[in-house]
C-alpha atoms as a PDB file:
ATOM      1  CA  MET A   1      96.979 120.532  66.580  1.00  0.00           C
ATOM      2  CA  PHE A   2     100.048 118.662  67.822  1.00  0.00           C
ATOM      3  CA  MET A   3     100.501 116.402  65.142  1.00  0.00           C
ATOM      4  CA  THR A   4      99.472 119.002  62.287  1.00  0.00           C
ATOM      5  CA  LEU A   5     102.357 120.819  63.558  1.00  0.00           C
ATOM      6  CA  ILE A   6     104.552 118.240  63.645  1.00  0.00           C
ATOM      7  CA  TYR A   7     102.765 116.978  60.074  1.00  0.00           C
ATOM      8  CA  THR A   8     103.592 120.388  58.733  1.00  0.00           C
ATOM      9  CA  SER A   9     107.453 120.465  59.868  1.00  0.00           C
ATOM     10  CA  LEU A  10     107.718 117.481  58.264  1.00  0.00           C
ATOM     11  CA  LEU A  11     106.331 118.598  54.816  1.00  0.00           C
ATOM     12  CA  ILE A  12     108.319 121.685  55.143  1.00  0.00           C
ATOM     13  CA  SER A  13     111.511 119.784  55.970  1.00  0.00           C
ATOM     14  CA  SER A  14     110.978 117.217  53.163  1.00  0.00           C
ATOM     15  CA  ILE A  15     110.193 119.637  50.859  1.00  0.00           C
ATOM     16  CA  GLY A  16     113.614 121.389  51.654  1.00  0.00           C
ATOM     17  CA  ILE A  17     115.567 118.529  51.389  1.00  0.00           C
ATOM     18  CA  PHE A  18     113.914 117.740  47.464  1.00  0.00           C
ATOM     19  CA  MET A  19     114.582 121.558  46.875  1.00  0.00           C
ATOM     20  CA  LEU A  20     118.706 120.834  47.809  1.00  0.00           C
ATOM     21  CA  LEU A  21     119.006 117.862  45.860  1.00  0.00           C
ATOM     22  CA  SER A  22     117.242 118.336  42.832  1.00  0.00           C
ATOM     23  CA  LYS A  23     117.870 122.205  41.733  1.00  0.00           C
ATOM     24  CA  LYS A  24     120.765 123.620  39.909  1.00  0.00           C
ATOM     25  CA  HIS A  25     120.771 127.402  40.761  1.00  0.00           C
ATOM     26  CA  ILE A  26     122.120 128.204  43.664  1.00  0.00           C
ATOM     27  CA  LEU A  27     119.181 130.274  44.917  1.00  0.00           C
ATOM     28  CA  SER A  28     117.226 127.208  44.677  1.00  0.00           C
ATOM     29  CA  ILE A  29     119.537 125.475  46.924  1.00  0.00           C
ATOM     30  CA  LEU A  30     119.813 128.207  49.213  1.00  0.00           C
ATOM     31  CA  ILE A  31     115.751 128.343  49.182  1.00  0.00           C
ATOM     32  CA  GLY A  32     116.140 124.460  50.252  1.00  0.00           C
ATOM     33  CA  ILE A  33     118.173 124.868  52.929  1.00  0.00           C
ATOM     34  CA  GLU A  34     116.484 127.710  54.447  1.00  0.00           C
ATOM     35  CA  LEU A  35     113.021 125.375  53.621  1.00  0.00           C
ATOM     36  CA  PHE A  36     114.973 122.612  55.797  1.00  0.00           C
ATOM     37  CA  LEU A  37     116.309 124.753  58.516  1.00  0.00           C
ATOM     38  CA  ASN A  38     112.549 126.198  58.674  1.00  0.00           C
ATOM     39  CA  GLY A  39     110.869 122.838  58.902  1.00  0.00           C
ATOM     40  CA  ILE A  40     113.597 121.628  61.705  1.00  0.00           C
ATOM     41  CA  ASN A  41     112.917 125.083  63.596  1.00  0.00           C
ATOM     42  CA  LEU A  42     109.010 124.460  63.716  1.00  0.00           C
ATOM     43  CA  PHE A  43     109.753 121.052  64.748  1.00  0.00           C
ATOM     44  CA  PHE A  44     111.448 122.411  67.875  1.00  0.00           C
ATOM     45  CA  ILE A  45     108.885 124.810  68.645  1.00  0.00           C
ATOM     46  CA  THR A  46     106.446 122.379  68.511  1.00  0.00           C
ATOM     47  CA  ILE A  47     108.118 119.775  71.243  1.00  0.00           C
ATOM     48  CA  SER A  48     109.176 122.790  73.184  1.00  0.00           C
ATOM     49  CA  LYS A  49     105.557 124.593  73.456  1.00  0.00           C
ATOM     50  CA  SER A  50     104.005 121.199  74.391  1.00  0.00           C
ATOM     51  CA  TYR A  51     106.647 119.611  76.663  1.00  0.00           C
ATOM     52  CA  SER A  52     107.374 123.059  78.217  1.00  0.00           C
ATOM     53  CA  ASP A  53     110.913 121.864  77.885  1.00  0.00           C
ATOM     54  CA  ASP A  54     113.457 124.624  77.770  1.00  0.00           C
ATOM     55  CA  ILE A  55     116.134 123.229  75.902  1.00  0.00           C
ATOM     56  CA  ALA A  56     114.379 123.205  72.684  1.00  0.00           C
ATOM     57  CA  ASN A  57     114.430 127.064  72.865  1.00  0.00           C
ATOM     58  CA  ILE A  58     118.594 126.840  73.058  1.00  0.00           C
ATOM     59  CA  PHE A  59     117.949 124.774  70.030  1.00  0.00           C
ATOM     60  CA  ILE A  60     115.996 126.715  67.986  1.00  0.00           C
ATOM     61  CA  LEU A  61     118.726 130.114  68.980  1.00  0.00           C
ATOM     62  CA  PHE A  62     121.136 127.758  67.832  1.00  0.00           C
ATOM     63  CA  ILE A  63     119.514 126.557  64.453  1.00  0.00           C
ATOM     64  CA  LEU A  64     118.985 130.754  63.691  1.00  0.00           C
ATOM     65  CA  VAL A  65     122.509 131.364  64.112  1.00  0.00           C
ATOM     66  CA  ILE A  66     123.691 128.984  61.375  1.00  0.00           C
ATOM     67  CA  THR A  67     120.698 130.087  59.061  1.00  0.00           C
ATOM     68  CA  ALA A  68     122.098 133.479  59.414  1.00  0.00           C
ATOM     69  CA  CYS A  69     125.418 132.367  58.982  1.00  0.00           C
ATOM     70  CA  GLU A  70     124.645 130.232  55.695  1.00  0.00           C
ATOM     71  CA  VAL A  71     122.273 132.912  54.266  1.00  0.00           C
ATOM     72  CA  ALA A  72     125.549 135.630  54.538  1.00  0.00           C
ATOM     73  CA  ILE A  73     128.075 132.991  53.162  1.00  0.00           C
ATOM     74  CA  GLY A  74     125.353 131.811  50.091  1.00  0.00           C
ATOM     75  CA  LEU A  75     124.745 135.104  49.221  1.00  0.00           C
ATOM     76  CA  ALA A  76     128.216 136.051  48.831  1.00  0.00           C
ATOM     77  CA  ILE A  77     129.490 132.677  46.745  1.00  0.00           C
ATOM     78  CA  PHE A  78     126.313 133.720  44.752  1.00  0.00           C
ATOM     79  CA  LEU A  79     127.082 137.330  44.162  1.00  0.00           C
ATOM     80  CA  LEU A  80     130.989 136.736  43.539  1.00  0.00           C
ATOM     81  CA  ASN A  81     129.365 133.996  40.663  1.00  0.00           C
ATOM     82  CA  GLN A  82     127.266 136.189  38.944  1.00  0.00           C
ATOM     83  CA  ARG A  83     129.965 139.188  38.807  1.00  0.00           C
ATOM     84  CA  ILE A  84     132.650 136.353  37.686  1.00  0.00           C
ATOM     85  CA  ASN A  85     130.513 133.827  35.429  1.00  0.00           C
ATOM     86  CA  LYS A  86     127.705 135.730  34.625  1.00  0.00           C
ATOM     87  CA  THR A  87     125.518 132.928  35.704  1.00  0.00           C
ATOM     88  CA  ILE A  88     123.598 131.377  38.396  1.00  0.00           C
ATOM     89  CA  ASP A  89     124.323 127.686  37.676  1.00  0.00           C
ATOM     90  CA  ILE A  90     125.845 125.684  40.050  1.00  0.00           C
ATOM     91  CA  ASN A  91     128.013 123.537  37.556  1.00  0.00           C
ATOM     92  CA  HIS A  92     130.221 127.376  37.258  1.00  0.00           C
ATOM     93  CA  LEU A  93     131.290 127.166  40.688  1.00  0.00           C
ATOM     94  CA  ASN A  94     134.317 125.509  39.709  1.00  0.00           C
ATOM     95  CA  ARG A  95     135.841 128.506  37.471  1.00  0.00           C
ATOM     96  CA  LEU A  96     135.481 130.495  41.045  1.00  0.00           C
ATOM     97  CA  ARG A  97     138.780 128.519  42.194  1.00  0.00           C
ATOM     98  CA  ASP A  98     141.016 130.102  39.264  1.00  0.00           C
ATOM     99  CA  GLU A  99     140.316 133.721  40.075  1.00  0.00           C
END
């Protein structure tokens, strides 16, 4: 069971990194970041439960806070880009600098 959870967390993190690097839409990139961070959280939870280490719980809490902040900032950029450029393509983000 331990190794299954480790492999699952690595798979989820790998899918997140792939989505982060290969997509051109803002929402796909945000979903990739979420998958990557959730894979890391699953890894820390697995390590924490198997070794009864409480320091991993602190790391999980920090990652959840960072993830919440990332979602808020990312969705604000997405909405601003959608409102001004009428697209979700990441190549048009440079136009937001002039506004």
